[in-house]
Amino acid sequence: MSHSSPPTGAGSGHPCLTAVLRMAGLRPTRQRIALARLLFGKTHRHTSAEQLHREAEEAGVSVSLATVYNALHQFKDAGLLREISVDGTRSYFDTDTSNHHHFFIEEDESVIDIPPGSIDVKGLPSPPRGTKVAHVDIVVRVRRS
């Protein structure tokens, strides 16, 4: 599976993050750079706005939850993140933008990838005229047994 995320070293400093944000059409503000460092400075991950906001506060980044939500949606719209809607009220953001599926662990309220090739989607209806299927999102909700 290919992981589509900012280039190697994106989390290590401002110049690379600044370039990634500019290439995505986003102005590299101090808050966007700080949030991008938290998001892309680690390995592939899934996060909610609330989780990222907590991480930012712990890292000493002064940013409101509304700004975190806005930045996550801007990163998603720019193709840097993929949004995973767990239900009508909860979304998680995935740094791997490739087409893949997820488990949602209800007790932990966490999202993990389903291994590639584990789901075979068949029988999709033809999309309406003038459209094409962008991707299929499958979230399998699980509970600890």
Protein backbone atom coordinates (compact mmCIF):
# COMPACT_ATOMS: atom_id res chain seq x y z
CA MET A 1 0.00 0.00 0.00
CA SER A 2 1.36 3.40 -0.86
CA HIS A 3 1.20 6.05 1.79
CA SER A 4 0.55 9.43 0.28
CA SER A 5 1.88 12.01 2.69
CA PRO A 6 4.27 14.90 2.66
CA PRO A 7 7.84 14.11 1.59
CA THR A 8 10.39 12.57 3.93
CA GLY A 9 11.57 15.09 6.44
CA ALA A 10 8.31 17.02 6.37
CA GLY A 11 8.07 16.87 10.13
CA SER A 12 11.66 17.86 10.80
CA GLY A 13 11.57 21.56 10.02
CA HIS A 14 9.83 24.61 8.62
CA PRO A 15 11.30 24.74 5.08
CA CYS A 16 9.91 21.37 3.96
CA LEU A 17 6.54 21.89 5.65
CA THR A 18 6.30 25.38 4.20
CA ALA A 19 6.94 23.97 0.72
CA VAL A 20 4.40 21.18 1.17
CA LEU A 21 1.72 23.64 2.31
CA ARG A 22 2.50 26.05 -0.55
CA MET A 23 2.43 23.21 -3.12
CA ALA A 24 -0.99 22.24 -1.73
CA GLY A 25 -2.19 25.83 -2.25
CA LEU A 26 -2.20 26.74 1.45
CA ARG A 27 -0.55 29.75 3.02
CA PRO A 28 2.00 28.42 5.53
CA THR A 29 0.84 30.22 8.67
CA ARG A 30 2.50 29.58 12.02
CA GLN A 31 -0.52 27.55 13.20
CA ARG A 32 -0.75 25.46 10.01
CA ILE A 33 2.97 24.68 10.18
CA ALA A 34 2.69 23.69 13.85
CA LEU A 35 -0.32 21.44 13.17
CA ALA A 36 1.34 19.94 10.07
CA ARG A 37 4.42 19.13 12.16
CA LEU A 38 2.22 17.28 14.68
CA LEU A 39 0.31 15.46 11.93
CA PHE A 40 3.11 14.51 9.56
CA GLY A 41 6.11 14.44 11.89
CA LYS A 42 5.30 10.90 12.98
CA THR A 43 4.46 7.73 11.13
CA HIS A 44 1.11 7.24 9.39
CA ARG A 45 -1.73 8.02 11.77
CA HIS A 46 -5.42 8.65 12.34
CA THR A 47 -6.54 11.53 14.53
CA SER A 48 -9.62 13.50 15.47
CA ALA A 49 -9.68 17.27 15.77
CA GLU A 50 -10.00 16.93 19.54
CA GLN A 51 -6.97 14.62 19.74
CA LEU A 52 -4.86 16.96 17.60
CA HIS A 53 -5.99 19.95 19.68
CA ARG A 54 -4.86 18.16 22.89
CA GLU A 55 -1.49 17.33 21.28
CA ALA A 56 -1.07 20.94 20.20
CA GLU A 57 -1.79 22.20 23.72
CA GLU A 58 0.67 19.67 25.19
CA ALA A 59 3.29 20.86 22.68
CA GLY A 60 2.72 24.48 23.71
CA VAL A 61 0.99 25.47 20.47
CA SER A 62 -1.67 28.09 21.15
CA VAL A 63 -4.53 27.21 18.82
CA SER A 64 -8.31 27.02 19.24
CA LEU A 65 -10.29 23.87 18.52
CA ALA A 66 -12.09 25.76 15.73
CA THR A 67 -8.73 26.55 14.09
CA VAL A 68 -7.74 22.87 14.34
CA TYR A 69 -11.02 21.87 12.64
CA ASN A 70 -10.48 24.47 9.92
CA ALA A 71 -6.87 23.40 9.32
CA LEU A 72 -7.80 19.70 9.14
CA HIS A 73 -10.50 20.43 6.56
CA GLN A 74 -8.13 22.67 4.59
CA PHE A 75 -5.47 19.90 4.63
CA LYS A 76 -8.15 17.42 3.50
CA ASP A 77 -9.39 19.70 0.70
CA ALA A 78 -5.78 20.14 -0.44
CA GLY A 79 -5.32 16.35 -0.65
CA LEU A 80 -2.96 16.04 2.33
CA LEU A 81 -5.42 14.12 4.53
CA ARG A 82 -8.34 11.77 4.09
CA GLU A 83 -11.45 12.15 6.25
CA ILE A 84 -13.03 9.04 7.77
CA SER A 85 -16.60 9.56 8.93
CA VAL A 86 -17.38 7.09 11.70
CA ASP A 87 -20.93 8.27 12.19
CA GLY A 88 -22.81 11.48 11.59
CA THR A 89 -21.02 13.24 14.44
CA ARG A 90 -17.45 11.88 14.45
CA SER A 91 -14.69 12.19 11.90
CA TYR A 92 -11.07 11.12 11.96
CA PHE A 93 -8.32 12.28 9.64
CA ASP A 94 -5.89 9.86 8.03
CA THR A 95 -2.42 10.86 6.84
CA ASP A 96 -2.57 7.96 4.35
CA THR A 97 -4.70 9.27 1.49
CA SER A 98 -4.60 6.03 -0.52
CA ASN A 99 -7.81 4.06 -1.06
CA HIS A 100 -8.14 1.71 1.95
CA HIS A 101 -10.63 0.75 4.67
CA HIS A 102 -10.76 0.98 8.47
CA PHE A 103 -11.78 -0.64 11.73
CA PHE A 104 -13.33 1.64 14.35
CA ILE A 105 -12.69 0.31 17.86
CA GLU A 106 -15.70 1.54 19.79
CA GLU A 107 -14.28 1.35 23.34
CA ASP A 108 -11.14 3.28 22.42
CA GLU A 109 -12.82 5.54 19.86
CA SER A 110 -9.84 4.83 17.64
CA VAL A 111 -9.38 3.99 13.98
CA ILE A 112 -6.94 1.48 12.50
CA ASP A 113 -6.34 0.35 8.94
CA ILE A 114 -7.82 -2.87 7.62
CA PRO A 115 -5.00 -4.83 5.93
CA PRO A 116 -4.92 -4.37 2.14
CA GLY A 117 -6.77 -7.06 0.19
CA SER A 118 -8.96 -8.00 3.17
CA ILE A 119 -12.13 -6.56 1.64
CA ASP A 120 -13.38 -7.30 -1.84
CA VAL A 121 -16.09 -4.86 -2.90
CA LYS A 122 -18.40 -6.29 -5.57
CA GLY A 123 -21.66 -5.24 -7.10
CA LEU A 124 -21.35 -1.47 -6.85
CA PRO A 125 -24.11 0.25 -8.78
CA SER A 126 -23.18 2.29 -11.83
CA PRO A 127 -22.66 5.90 -10.81
CA PRO A 128 -25.03 8.54 -12.16
CA ARG A 129 -24.32 9.83 -15.67
CA GLY A 130 -21.42 12.27 -15.74
CA THR A 131 -19.89 11.01 -12.48
CA LYS A 132 -17.39 8.36 -11.46
CA VAL A 133 -16.71 6.52 -8.22
CA ALA A 134 -13.92 8.39 -6.40
CA HIS A 135 -13.47 5.76 -3.70
CA VAL A 136 -15.44 3.47 -1.41
CA ASP A 137 -15.14 4.00 2.34
CA ILE A 138 -15.83 1.01 4.55
CA VAL A 139 -15.66 1.40 8.32
CA VAL A 140 -16.10 -1.83 10.27
CA ARG A 141 -17.12 -1.08 13.85
CA VAL A 142 -15.67 -3.54 16.37
CA ARG A 143 -15.94 -4.14 20.14
CA ARG A 144 -13.50 -5.95 22.37
CA SER A 145 -14.67 -9.49 23.15
